[in-house]
């Protein structure tokens, strides 16, 4: 079966049979008219291009506003990048490294032993400074202020969680190891080479709703051990002060990789003895020393713009689709 069709200037067969009295020239003229109407003129094309250009420049401010808003939301409640300025977490994290911190995991989950966390020292390690508010809207307001340079200086630290609420953390046992609820930790996989688990002897029971943190470079880390005396919490940090969990190193690129929890913190005895330790005593606070320096935040503008682009494209498509439907309805009414 073939589709022969009509000739280029021939009228359709159905029309010629019903209109034999009409001259062929009229049909040809109509075809030429339709052909002319079908092909837009050069000025029309130019006008359409100008409209597209104007549309782009009108939508650019919207794209920027959406990107900034998404940046604030991401930074405040989801993911934030941090710069490591000190050697207290070497060799796990070196000076100049950058990490991404997951904030959502602590909003809907819990802190685990072995996690590397970023937290605020305000109100505890920096007792003269009011603790930051953990109110949902206050946090967003603080992010807005920080974006425009009006936020107060942050005192953020990055350390590894050693003890949870109710845990008894001590150093050292007969082999010189840190113990949690009497269970010794094998820390050689993450301790700075040549560092002992702790030069300072201590024995503490972590208060309720708090954590005990230590750096991986124990000889230079000024951590929970060094904030026992004269500091609120006896060196422990309130769980509410935790900003989030560092889960991936993003810089330098050659060392890109996930920050996993060492296997020593997965010992079943730790979990089985923690509930008994929590019930035994909740008031103790002991001794310790080591250091930690504030980690400077880097706002994730790239993530904000990456999220804004698809949202803006969808909004633009939706607006065009709505405009097309309105135009079709108007043309339908006119016809």
C-alpha atoms as a PDB file:
ATOM      1  CA  UNK A   1       0.000   0.000   0.000  1.00  0.00           C
ATOM      2  CA  UNK A   2       1.408   3.398  -0.984  1.00  0.00           C
ATOM      3  CA  UNK A   3       0.515   6.929  -0.024  1.00  0.00           C
ATOM      4  CA  UNK A   4       0.711   8.854  -3.296  1.00  0.00           C
ATOM      5  CA  UNK A   5      -0.759  12.074  -1.873  1.00  0.00           C
ATOM      6  CA  UNK A   6      -1.600  15.209  -3.816  1.00  0.00           C
ATOM      7  CA  UNK A   7       0.606  17.295  -6.021  1.00  0.00           C
ATOM      8  CA  UNK A   8       2.253  20.404  -4.590  1.00  0.00           C
ATOM      9  CA  UNK A   9      -0.294  22.815  -6.124  1.00  0.00           C
ATOM     10  CA  UNK A  10      -3.254  20.476  -6.437  1.00  0.00           C
ATOM     11  CA  UNK A  11      -6.337  20.898  -4.260  1.00  0.00           C
ATOM     12  CA  UNK A  12      -7.401  17.917  -2.149  1.00  0.00           C
ATOM     13  CA  UNK A  13      -9.383  15.322  -4.094  1.00  0.00           C
ATOM     14  CA  UNK A  14     -12.419  15.609  -1.820  1.00  0.00           C
ATOM     15  CA  UNK A  15     -12.611  19.345  -2.436  1.00  0.00           C
ATOM     16  CA  UNK A  16     -12.266  19.211  -6.255  1.00  0.00           C
ATOM     17  CA  UNK A  17     -15.081  16.694  -6.516  1.00  0.00           C
ATOM     18  CA  UNK A  18     -17.495  18.841  -4.546  1.00  0.00           C
ATOM     19  CA  UNK A  19     -16.383  22.160  -6.101  1.00  0.00           C
ATOM     20  CA  UNK A  20     -15.804  21.574  -9.802  1.00  0.00           C
ATOM     21  CA  UNK A  21     -17.241  24.972 -10.712  1.00  0.00           C
ATOM     22  CA  UNK A  22     -14.515  26.838  -8.824  1.00  0.00           C
ATOM     23  CA  UNK A  23     -11.381  27.869 -10.677  1.00  0.00           C
ATOM     24  CA  UNK A  24      -8.206  26.136  -9.679  1.00  0.00           C
ATOM     25  CA  UNK A  25      -6.431  29.426  -9.170  1.00  0.00           C
ATOM     26  CA  UNK A  26      -8.460  30.190  -6.064  1.00  0.00           C
ATOM     27  CA  UNK A  27      -7.332  27.007  -4.397  1.00  0.00           C
ATOM     28  CA  UNK A  28      -3.746  27.606  -5.326  1.00  0.00           C
ATOM     29  CA  UNK A  29      -3.978  31.102  -3.946  1.00  0.00           C
ATOM     30  CA  UNK A  30      -5.459  29.761  -0.725  1.00  0.00           C
ATOM     31  CA  UNK A  31      -2.649  27.234  -0.460  1.00  0.00           C
ATOM     32  CA  UNK A  32      -0.108  29.999  -0.971  1.00  0.00           C
ATOM     33  CA  UNK A  33      -1.859  32.075   1.658  1.00  0.00           C
ATOM     34  CA  UNK A  34      -1.809  29.200   4.152  1.00  0.00           C
ATOM     35  CA  UNK A  35       1.817  28.583   3.368  1.00  0.00           C
ATOM     36  CA  UNK A  36       2.623  32.222   4.000  1.00  0.00           C
ATOM     37  CA  UNK A  37       0.707  32.165   7.256  1.00  0.00           C
ATOM     38  CA  UNK A  38       2.502  29.000   8.361  1.00  0.00           C
ATOM     39  CA  UNK A  39       5.936  30.554   7.958  1.00  0.00           C
ATOM     40  CA  UNK A  40       6.565  33.403  10.396  1.00  0.00           C
ATOM     41  CA  UNK A  41       8.366  36.387   9.032  1.00  0.00           C
ATOM     42  CA  UNK A  42      11.874  37.384  10.112  1.00  0.00           C
ATOM     43  CA  UNK A  43      10.634  40.326  12.228  1.00  0.00           C
ATOM     44  CA  UNK A  44       8.292  37.952  14.097  1.00  0.00           C
ATOM     45  CA  UNK A  45      11.191  35.643  14.894  1.00  0.00           C
ATOM     46  CA  UNK A  46      13.288  38.557  16.093  1.00  0.00           C
ATOM     47  CA  UNK A  47      10.437  39.784  18.276  1.00  0.00           C
ATOM     48  CA  UNK A  48      10.029  36.321  19.792  1.00  0.00           C
ATOM     49  CA  UNK A  49      13.760  36.152  20.559  1.00  0.00           C
ATOM     50  CA  UNK A  50      13.635  39.546  22.247  1.00  0.00           C
ATOM     51  CA  UNK A  51      10.729  38.349  24.400  1.00  0.00           C
ATOM     52  CA  UNK A  52      12.734  35.274  25.449  1.00  0.00           C
ATOM     53  CA  UNK A  53      15.719  37.456  26.344  1.00  0.00           C
ATOM     54  CA  UNK A  54      13.521  39.759  28.383  1.00  0.00           C
ATOM     55  CA  UNK A  55      11.933  36.737  30.050  1.00  0.00           C
ATOM     56  CA  UNK A  56      15.364  35.402  31.076  1.00  0.00           C
ATOM     57  CA  UNK A  57      16.427  38.682  32.676  1.00  0.00           C
ATOM     58  CA  UNK A  58      13.094  38.921  34.478  1.00  0.00           C
ATOM     59  CA  UNK A  59      13.480  35.395  35.852  1.00  0.00           C
ATOM     60  CA  UNK A  60      17.125  35.795  36.903  1.00  0.00           C
ATOM     61  CA  UNK A  61      16.286  37.707  40.122  1.00  0.00           C
ATOM     62  CA  UNK A  62      13.738  35.004  40.967  1.00  0.00           C
ATOM     63  CA  UNK A  63      16.402  32.346  40.461  1.00  0.00           C
ATOM     64  CA  UNK A  64      18.816  34.201  42.755  1.00  0.00           C
ATOM     65  CA  UNK A  65      16.204  34.695  45.499  1.00  0.00           C
ATOM     66  CA  UNK A  66      15.163  31.030  45.366  1.00  0.00           C
ATOM     67  CA  UNK A  67      18.825  29.946  45.450  1.00  0.00           C
ATOM     68  CA  UNK A  68      19.572  32.107  48.495  1.00  0.00           C
ATOM     69  CA  UNK A  69      16.492  30.828  50.306  1.00  0.00           C
ATOM     70  CA  UNK A  70      17.420  27.208  49.588  1.00  0.00           C
ATOM     71  CA  UNK A  71      20.970  27.919  50.719  1.00  0.00           C
ATOM     72  CA  UNK A  72      19.666  29.163  54.065  1.00  0.00           C
ATOM     73  CA  UNK A  73      17.346  26.182  54.491  1.00  0.00           C
ATOM     74  CA  UNK A  74      20.081  23.679  53.589  1.00  0.00           C
ATOM     75  CA  UNK A  75      22.645  25.344  55.837  1.00  0.00           C
ATOM     76  CA  UNK A  76      20.277  25.705  58.793  1.00  0.00           C
ATOM     77  CA  UNK A  77      18.539  22.334  58.831  1.00  0.00           C
ATOM     78  CA  UNK A  78      20.283  19.874  56.492  1.00  0.00           C
ATOM     79  CA  UNK A  79      23.957  20.075  55.479  1.00  0.00           C
ATOM     80  CA  UNK A  80      26.732  22.545  56.193  1.00  0.00           C
ATOM     81  CA  UNK A  81      30.390  22.571  55.201  1.00  0.00           C
ATOM     82  CA  UNK A  82      33.067  23.172  57.855  1.00  0.00           C
ATOM     83  CA  UNK A  83      36.742  24.067  57.630  1.00  0.00           C
ATOM     84  CA  UNK A  84      39.211  22.389  60.038  1.00  0.00           C
ATOM     85  CA  UNK A  85      41.616  25.020  61.486  1.00  0.00           C
ATOM     86  CA  UNK A  86      43.473  22.922  64.081  1.00  0.00           C
ATOM     87  CA  UNK A  87      45.293  19.620  64.432  1.00  0.00           C
ATOM     88  CA  UNK A  88      43.209  18.236  67.294  1.00  0.00           C
ATOM     89  CA  UNK A  89      41.592  15.585  65.043  1.00  0.00           C
ATOM     90  CA  UNK A  90      44.725  14.454  63.163  1.00  0.00           C
ATOM     91  CA  UNK A  91      45.272  12.238  61.341  1.00  0.00           C
ATOM     92  CA  UNK A  92      41.573  11.671  60.745  1.00  0.00           C
ATOM     93  CA  UNK A  93      41.146  15.352  59.864  1.00  0.00           C
ATOM     94  CA  UNK A  94      44.108  17.602  59.128  1.00  0.00           C
ATOM     95  CA  UNK A  95      44.432  21.378  59.182  1.00  0.00           C
ATOM     96  CA  UNK A  96      42.772  22.794  56.077  1.00  0.00           C
ATOM     97  CA  UNK A  97      40.460  19.825  55.492  1.00  0.00           C
ATOM     98  CA  UNK A  98      36.794  20.445  54.765  1.00  0.00           C
ATOM     99  CA  UNK A  99      33.929  18.221  55.838  1.00  0.00           C
ATOM    100  CA  UNK A 100      30.183  18.106  55.305  1.00  0.00           C
ATOM    101  CA  UNK A 101      28.103  17.964  58.475  1.00  0.00           C
ATOM    102  CA  UNK A 102      24.737  16.199  58.477  1.00  0.00           C
ATOM    103  CA  UNK A 103      22.244  18.013  60.718  1.00  0.00           C
ATOM    104  CA  UNK A 104      19.150  15.952  59.930  1.00  0.00           C
ATOM    105  CA  UNK A 105      20.472  12.735  61.480  1.00  0.00           C
ATOM    106  CA  UNK A 106      20.300  14.267  64.962  1.00  0.00           C
ATOM    107  CA  UNK A 107      16.925  15.874  64.324  1.00  0.00           C
ATOM    108  CA  UNK A 108      15.317  12.482  63.659  1.00  0.00           C
ATOM    109  CA  UNK A 109      17.883  10.098  65.163  1.00  0.00           C
ATOM    110  CA  UNK A 110      20.418   9.901  67.963  1.00  0.00           C
ATOM    111  CA  UNK A 111      24.118  10.409  68.602  1.00  0.00           C
ATOM    112  CA  UNK A 112      26.334   7.306  68.614  1.00  0.00           C
ATOM    113  CA  UNK A 113      29.677   6.542  70.197  1.00  0.00           C
ATOM    114  CA  UNK A 114      32.447   7.031  67.662  1.00  0.00           C
ATOM    115  CA  UNK A 115      30.614   9.754  65.700  1.00  0.00           C
ATOM    116  CA  UNK A 116      32.632  12.828  64.759  1.00  0.00           C
ATOM    117  CA  UNK A 117      30.455  15.783  65.722  1.00  0.00           C
ATOM    118  CA  UNK A 118      30.523  19.545  65.407  1.00  0.00           C
ATOM    119  CA  UNK A 119      29.081  21.342  68.421  1.00  0.00           C
ATOM    120  CA  UNK A 120      28.869  24.776  69.989  1.00  0.00           C
ATOM    121  CA  UNK A 121      30.903  25.387  73.131  1.00  0.00           C
ATOM    122  CA  UNK A 122      28.842  28.435  74.131  1.00  0.00           C
ATOM    123  CA  UNK A 123      27.512  28.120  77.650  1.00  0.00           C
ATOM    124  CA  UNK A 124      29.822  25.203  78.532  1.00  0.00           C
ATOM    125  CA  UNK A 125      33.415  25.414  77.294  1.00  0.00           C
ATOM    126  CA  UNK A 126      32.793  29.138  76.801  1.00  0.00           C
ATOM    127  CA  UNK A 127      30.716  29.785  79.924  1.00  0.00           C
ATOM    128  CA  UNK A 128      30.520  33.568  79.506  1.00  0.00           C
ATOM    129  CA  UNK A 129      28.668  33.263  76.184  1.00  0.00           C
ATOM    130  CA  UNK A 130      24.941  32.398  76.088  1.00  0.00           C
ATOM    131  CA  UNK A 131      24.188  28.992  74.615  1.00  0.00           C
ATOM    132  CA  UNK A 132      22.721  29.144  71.087  1.00  0.00           C
ATOM    133  CA  UNK A 133      18.974  28.673  70.776  1.00  0.00           C
ATOM    134  CA  UNK A 134      17.796  25.390  69.266  1.00  0.00           C
ATOM    135  CA  UNK A 135      14.402  26.869  68.383  1.00  0.00           C
ATOM    136  CA  UNK A 136      13.415  26.073  64.776  1.00  0.00           C
ATOM    137  CA  UNK A 137      12.809  29.709  63.779  1.00  0.00           C
ATOM    138  CA  UNK A 138      15.651  31.153  65.841  1.00  0.00           C
ATOM    139  CA  UNK A 139      18.131  28.941  64.012  1.00  0.00           C
ATOM    140  CA  UNK A 140      16.850  30.217  60.669  1.00  0.00           C
ATOM    141  CA  UNK A 141      17.168  33.812  61.888  1.00  0.00           C
ATOM    142  CA  UNK A 142      20.752  33.147  62.964  1.00  0.00           C
ATOM    143  CA  UNK A 143      21.532  31.760  59.498  1.00  0.00           C
ATOM    144  CA  UNK A 144      20.099  34.875  57.865  1.00  0.00           C
ATOM    145  CA  UNK A 145      22.192  37.059  60.171  1.00  0.00           C
ATOM    146  CA  UNK A 146      25.354  35.085  59.454  1.00  0.00           C
ATOM    147  CA  UNK A 147      24.791  35.324  55.690  1.00  0.00           C
ATOM    148  CA  UNK A 148      24.778  39.113  55.897  1.00  0.00           C
ATOM    149  CA  UNK A 149      27.571  39.361  58.479  1.00  0.00           C
ATOM    150  CA  UNK A 150      25.471  40.265  61.526  1.00  0.00           C
ATOM    151  CA  UNK A 151      25.776  37.025  63.501  1.00  0.00           C
ATOM    152  CA  UNK A 152      27.903  36.806  66.624  1.00  0.00           C
ATOM    153  CA  UNK A 153      31.166  34.902  66.417  1.00  0.00           C
ATOM    154  CA  UNK A 154      30.517  31.174  66.666  1.00  0.00           C
ATOM    155  CA  UNK A 155      32.527  28.919  68.955  1.00  0.00           C
ATOM    156  CA  UNK A 156      32.203  25.637  67.113  1.00  0.00           C
ATOM    157  CA  UNK A 157      34.349  22.582  67.822  1.00  0.00           C
ATOM    158  CA  UNK A 158      34.809  19.211  66.178  1.00  0.00           C
ATOM    159  CA  UNK A 159      35.526  16.057  68.254  1.00  0.00           C
ATOM    160  CA  UNK A 160      34.798  12.342  68.445  1.00  0.00           C
ATOM    161  CA  UNK A 161      32.042  11.090  70.762  1.00  0.00           C
ATOM    162  CA  UNK A 162      33.470   8.697  73.365  1.00  0.00           C
ATOM    163  CA  UNK A 163      30.677   8.532  75.946  1.00  0.00           C
ATOM    164  CA  UNK A 164      26.880   8.874  75.870  1.00  0.00           C
ATOM    165  CA  UNK A 165      24.529   9.898  78.712  1.00  0.00           C
ATOM    166  CA  UNK A 166      25.072   7.641  81.744  1.00  0.00           C
ATOM    167  CA  UNK A 167      28.288   6.091  80.398  1.00  0.00           C
ATOM    168  CA  UNK A 168      31.228   5.709  82.759  1.00  0.00           C
ATOM    169  CA  UNK A 169      34.335   6.835  80.865  1.00  0.00           C
ATOM    170  CA  UNK A 170      37.771   6.345  82.427  1.00  0.00           C
ATOM    171  CA  UNK A 171      41.460   6.199  81.678  1.00  0.00           C
ATOM    172  CA  UNK A 172      43.400   4.270  82.011  1.00  0.00           C
ATOM    173  CA  UNK A 173      43.205   0.499  82.594  1.00  0.00           C
ATOM    174  CA  UNK A 174      46.244  -1.726  83.227  1.00  0.00           C
ATOM    175  CA  UNK A 175      47.106  -1.594  79.496  1.00  0.00           C
ATOM    176  CA  UNK A 176      46.738   2.194  79.335  1.00  0.00           C
ATOM    177  CA  UNK A 177      43.427   2.113  77.407  1.00  0.00           C
ATOM    178  CA  UNK A 178      40.341   4.300  77.685  1.00  0.00           C
ATOM    179  CA  UNK A 179      37.364   2.307  78.958  1.00  0.00           C
ATOM    180  CA  UNK A 180      33.639   2.913  78.526  1.00  0.00           C
ATOM    181  CA  UNK A 181      31.470   1.113  81.072  1.00  0.00           C
ATOM    182  CA  UNK A 182      34.490  -1.038  81.871  1.00  0.00           C
ATOM    183  CA  UNK A 183      34.952  -2.077  78.222  1.00  0.00           C
ATOM    184  CA  UNK A 184      38.398  -1.110  76.805  1.00  0.00           C
ATOM    185  CA  UNK A 185      38.541   0.713  73.481  1.00  0.00           C
ATOM    186  CA  UNK A 186      41.025  -0.293  70.786  1.00  0.00           C
ATOM    187  CA  UNK A 187      41.850   3.140  69.348  1.00  0.00           C
ATOM    188  CA  UNK A 188      44.929   2.488  67.232  1.00  0.00           C
ATOM    189  CA  UNK A 189      42.956   2.848  63.964  1.00  0.00           C
ATOM    190  CA  UNK A 190      42.228   6.534  64.545  1.00  0.00           C
ATOM    191  CA  UNK A 191      44.615   7.851  67.214  1.00  0.00           C
ATOM    192  CA  UNK A 192      47.482  10.039  66.008  1.00  0.00           C
ATOM    193  CA  UNK A 193      50.570   7.814  65.618  1.00  0.00           C
ATOM    194  CA  UNK A 194      52.639   7.739  68.793  1.00  0.00           C
ATOM    195  CA  UNK A 195      49.889   9.233  70.988  1.00  0.00           C
ATOM    196  CA  UNK A 196      48.769   7.294  74.072  1.00  0.00           C
ATOM    197  CA  UNK A 197      44.980   7.190  74.677  1.00  0.00           C
ATOM    198  CA  UNK A 198      45.464   9.827  77.384  1.00  0.00           C
ATOM    199  CA  UNK A 199      48.297  11.225  79.480  1.00  0.00           C
ATOM    200  CA  UNK A 200      45.697  12.447  81.961  1.00  0.00           C
ATOM    201  CA  UNK A 201      43.935  10.097  84.336  1.00  0.00           C
ATOM    202  CA  UNK A 202      40.195  10.593  84.638  1.00  0.00           C
ATOM    203  CA  UNK A 203      37.037   8.791  85.668  1.00  0.00           C
ATOM    204  CA  UNK A 204      33.686  10.404  84.820  1.00  0.00           C
ATOM    205  CA  UNK A 205      30.025   9.517  84.511  1.00  0.00           C
ATOM    206  CA  UNK A 206      28.480  11.436  81.611  1.00  0.00           C
ATOM    207  CA  UNK A 207      25.481  13.519  82.792  1.00  0.00           C
ATOM    208  CA  UNK A 208      22.010  13.019  81.362  1.00  0.00           C
ATOM    209  CA  UNK A 209      21.439  14.516  77.902  1.00  0.00           C
ATOM    210  CA  UNK A 210      25.187  15.099  77.462  1.00  0.00           C
ATOM    211  CA  UNK A 211      28.157  13.549  75.651  1.00  0.00           C
ATOM    212  CA  UNK A 212      31.858  13.114  76.411  1.00  0.00           C
ATOM    213  CA  UNK A 213      34.110  14.067  73.483  1.00  0.00           C
ATOM    214  CA  UNK A 214      37.827  13.719  72.735  1.00  0.00           C
ATOM    215  CA  UNK A 215      40.096  14.578  69.815  1.00  0.00           C
ATOM    216  CA  UNK A 216      42.012  11.928  67.861  1.00  0.00           C
ATOM    217  CA  UNK A 217      45.301  13.802  68.378  1.00  0.00           C
ATOM    218  CA  UNK A 218      45.189  13.347  72.153  1.00  0.00           C
ATOM    219  CA  UNK A 219      48.455  15.112  72.967  1.00  0.00           C
ATOM    220  CA  UNK A 220      47.231  18.452  71.544  1.00  0.00           C
ATOM    221  CA  UNK A 221      43.463  18.132  71.898  1.00  0.00           C
ATOM    222  CA  UNK A 222      41.891  20.392  74.507  1.00  0.00           C
ATOM    223  CA  UNK A 223      38.651  18.419  74.814  1.00  0.00           C
ATOM    224  CA  UNK A 224      36.289  17.228  77.562  1.00  0.00           C
ATOM    225  CA  UNK A 225      39.261  16.243  79.718  1.00  0.00           C
ATOM    226  CA  UNK A 226      40.514  19.817  79.913  1.00  0.00           C
ATOM    227  CA  UNK A 227      37.123  21.344  80.744  1.00  0.00           C
ATOM    228  CA  UNK A 228      36.221  19.324  83.827  1.00  0.00           C
ATOM    229  CA  UNK A 229      36.913  21.852  86.557  1.00  0.00           C
ATOM    230  CA  UNK A 230      35.165  25.194  86.669  1.00  0.00           C
ATOM    231  CA  UNK A 231      33.089  24.529  83.542  1.00  0.00           C
ATOM    232  CA  UNK A 232      29.350  23.768  83.353  1.00  0.00           C
ATOM    233  CA  UNK A 233      28.797  20.062  82.727  1.00  0.00           C
ATOM    234  CA  UNK A 234      32.253  19.118  83.993  1.00  0.00           C
ATOM    235  CA  UNK A 235      33.626  18.907  80.448  1.00  0.00           C
ATOM    236  CA  UNK A 236      30.583  17.173  78.963  1.00  0.00           C
ATOM    237  CA  UNK A 237      28.664  18.828  76.135  1.00  0.00           C
ATOM    238  CA  UNK A 238      24.823  19.036  76.074  1.00  0.00           C
ATOM    239  CA  UNK A 239      23.306  17.045  73.218  1.00  0.00           C
ATOM    240  CA  UNK A 240      21.331  20.178  72.321  1.00  0.00           C
ATOM    241  CA  UNK A 241      24.643  21.939  71.520  1.00  0.00           C
ATOM    242  CA  UNK A 242      25.507  19.427  68.776  1.00  0.00           C
ATOM    243  CA  UNK A 243      25.314  21.001  65.312  1.00  0.00           C
ATOM    244  CA  UNK A 244      25.579  17.724  63.420  1.00  0.00           C
ATOM    245  CA  UNK A 245      27.663  14.718  62.462  1.00  0.00           C
ATOM    246  CA  UNK A 246      30.625  15.043  60.109  1.00  0.00           C
ATOM    247  CA  UNK A 247      30.017  12.259  57.606  1.00  0.00           C
ATOM    248  CA  UNK A 248      32.293  12.960  54.648  1.00  0.00           C
ATOM    249  CA  UNK A 249      35.600  14.678  53.904  1.00  0.00           C
ATOM    250  CA  UNK A 250      35.278  16.725  50.713  1.00  0.00           C
ATOM    251  CA  UNK A 251      38.681  18.436  50.654  1.00  0.00           C
ATOM    252  CA  UNK A 252      41.372  17.779  49.631  1.00  0.00           C
ATOM    253  CA  UNK A 253      39.903  15.840  46.727  1.00  0.00           C
ATOM    254  CA  UNK A 254      42.697  13.257  46.899  1.00  0.00           C
ATOM    255  CA  UNK A 255      41.459  12.261  50.374  1.00  0.00           C
ATOM    256  CA  UNK A 256      37.743  12.442  49.636  1.00  0.00           C
ATOM    257  CA  UNK A 257      35.853   9.770  51.565  1.00  0.00           C
ATOM    258  CA  UNK A 258      33.263   8.853  54.190  1.00  0.00           C
ATOM    259  CA  UNK A 259      34.001   9.281  57.894  1.00  0.00           C
ATOM    260  CA  UNK A 260      32.913   5.970  59.356  1.00  0.00           C
ATOM    261  CA  UNK A 261      32.564   4.888  62.993  1.00  0.00           C
ATOM    262  CA  UNK A 262      35.526   2.719  64.125  1.00  0.00           C
ATOM    263  CA  UNK A 263      34.678  -0.916  64.819  1.00  0.00           C
ATOM    264  CA  UNK A 264      35.731  -0.700  68.485  1.00  0.00           C
ATOM    265  CA  UNK A 265      32.542   1.270  69.210  1.00  0.00           C
ATOM    266  CA  UNK A 266      30.454  -1.585  67.871  1.00  0.00           C
ATOM    267  CA  UNK A 267      31.344  -3.944  70.724  1.00  0.00           C
ATOM    268  CA  UNK A 268      28.105  -5.502  72.066  1.00  0.00           C
ATOM    269  CA  UNK A 269      29.377  -5.174  75.646  1.00  0.00           C
ATOM    270  CA  UNK A 270      29.292  -1.368  75.338  1.00  0.00           C
ATOM    271  CA  UNK A 271      25.569  -1.356  74.669  1.00  0.00           C
ATOM    272  CA  UNK A 272      24.686  -4.057  77.186  1.00  0.00           C
ATOM    273  CA  UNK A 273      26.528  -2.294  80.001  1.00  0.00           C
ATOM    274  CA  UNK A 274      25.464   1.257  79.167  1.00  0.00           C
ATOM    275  CA  UNK A 275      21.970   0.938  80.630  1.00  0.00           C
ATOM    276  CA  UNK A 276      23.366  -0.460  83.872  1.00  0.00           C
ATOM    277  CA  UNK A 277      25.942   2.331  84.062  1.00  0.00           C
ATOM    278  CA  UNK A 278      23.257   4.973  83.462  1.00  0.00           C
ATOM    279  CA  UNK A 279      21.148   3.583  86.298  1.00  0.00           C
ATOM    280  CA  UNK A 280      24.115   3.402  88.684  1.00  0.00           C
ATOM    281  CA  UNK A 281      24.932   7.140  88.780  1.00  0.00           C
ATOM    282  CA  UNK A 282      23.912  10.299  86.922  1.00  0.00           C
ATOM    283  CA  UNK A 283      25.567  12.943  89.058  1.00  0.00           C
ATOM    284  CA  UNK A 284      29.296  12.282  88.660  1.00  0.00           C
ATOM    285  CA  UNK A 285      31.780  14.453  86.875  1.00  0.00           C
ATOM    286  CA  UNK A 286      35.503  13.583  86.823  1.00  0.00           C
ATOM    287  CA  UNK A 287      38.899  14.671  85.533  1.00  0.00           C
ATOM    288  CA  UNK A 288      40.634  15.096  82.090  1.00  0.00           C
ATOM    289  CA  UNK A 289      42.597  17.304  79.484  1.00  0.00           C
ATOM    290  CA  UNK A 290      43.192  17.914  75.675  1.00  0.00           C
ATOM    291  CA  UNK A 291      42.317  20.551  73.003  1.00  0.00           C
ATOM    292  CA  UNK A 292      39.984  21.590  70.207  1.00  0.00           C
ATOM    293  CA  UNK A 293      39.663  24.758  68.099  1.00  0.00           C
ATOM    294  CA  UNK A 294      36.601  26.271  66.458  1.00  0.00           C
ATOM    295  CA  UNK A 295      35.778  25.071  62.969  1.00  0.00           C
ATOM    296  CA  UNK A 296      34.764  27.885  60.608  1.00  0.00           C
ATOM    297  CA  UNK A 297      31.556  27.264  58.602  1.00  0.00           C
ATOM    298  CA  UNK A 298      31.422  27.545  54.807  1.00  0.00           C
ATOM    299  CA  UNK A 299      27.885  28.184  53.538  1.00  0.00           C
ATOM    300  CA  UNK A 300      26.772  25.746  50.791  1.00  0.00           C
ATOM    301  CA  UNK A 301      25.860  28.298  48.107  1.00  0.00           C
ATOM    302  CA  UNK A 302      26.535  25.739  45.390  1.00  0.00           C
ATOM    303  CA  UNK A 303      23.913  23.411  46.877  1.00  0.00           C
ATOM    304  CA  UNK A 304      21.424  26.257  47.044  1.00  0.00           C
ATOM    305  CA  UNK A 305      21.905  27.189  43.399  1.00  0.00           C
ATOM    306  CA  UNK A 306      21.847  23.536  42.361  1.00  0.00           C
ATOM    307  CA  UNK A 307      18.447  23.185  43.990  1.00  0.00           C
ATOM    308  CA  UNK A 308      17.155  26.506  42.690  1.00  0.00           C
ATOM    309  CA  UNK A 309      17.774  25.749  39.009  1.00  0.00           C
ATOM    310  CA  UNK A 310      15.367  22.782  38.687  1.00  0.00           C
ATOM    311  CA  UNK A 311      12.747  24.558  40.808  1.00  0.00           C
ATOM    312  CA  UNK A 312      12.941  27.636  38.614  1.00  0.00           C
ATOM    313  CA  UNK A 313      12.745  25.547  35.441  1.00  0.00           C
ATOM    314  CA  UNK A 314       9.653  23.742  36.746  1.00  0.00           C
ATOM    315  CA  UNK A 315       8.066  27.043  37.727  1.00  0.00           C
ATOM    316  CA  UNK A 316       8.830  28.449  34.277  1.00  0.00           C
ATOM    317  CA  UNK A 317       7.355  25.412  32.498  1.00  0.00           C
ATOM    318  CA  UNK A 318       4.252  25.556  34.662  1.00  0.00           C
ATOM    319  CA  UNK A 319       3.779  29.250  33.904  1.00  0.00           C
ATOM    320  CA  UNK A 320       4.196  28.660  30.167  1.00  0.00           C
ATOM    321  CA  UNK A 321       1.770  25.750  30.242  1.00  0.00           C
ATOM    322  CA  UNK A 322      -0.818  27.891  32.020  1.00  0.00           C
ATOM    323  CA  UNK A 323      -0.329  30.721  29.527  1.00  0.00           C
ATOM    324  CA  UNK A 324      -0.718  28.300  26.601  1.00  0.00           C
ATOM    325  CA  UNK A 325      -3.967  26.943  28.003  1.00  0.00           C
ATOM    326  CA  UNK A 326      -5.341  30.440  28.452  1.00  0.00           C
ATOM    327  CA  UNK A 327      -4.392  31.326  24.888  1.00  0.00           C
ATOM    328  CA  UNK A 328      -6.046  28.172  23.530  1.00  0.00           C
ATOM    329  CA  UNK A 329      -9.223  28.943  25.438  1.00  0.00           C
ATOM    330  CA  UNK A 330      -9.267  32.512  24.134  1.00  0.00           C
ATOM    331  CA  UNK A 331      -8.738  31.324  20.536  1.00  0.00           C
ATOM    332  CA  UNK A 332     -11.461  28.738  20.965  1.00  0.00           C
ATOM    333  CA  UNK A 333     -13.924  31.400  22.123  1.00  0.00           C
ATOM    334  CA  UNK A 334     -12.993  33.721  19.264  1.00  0.00           C
ATOM    335  CA  UNK A 335     -13.503  30.950  16.689  1.00  0.00           C
END
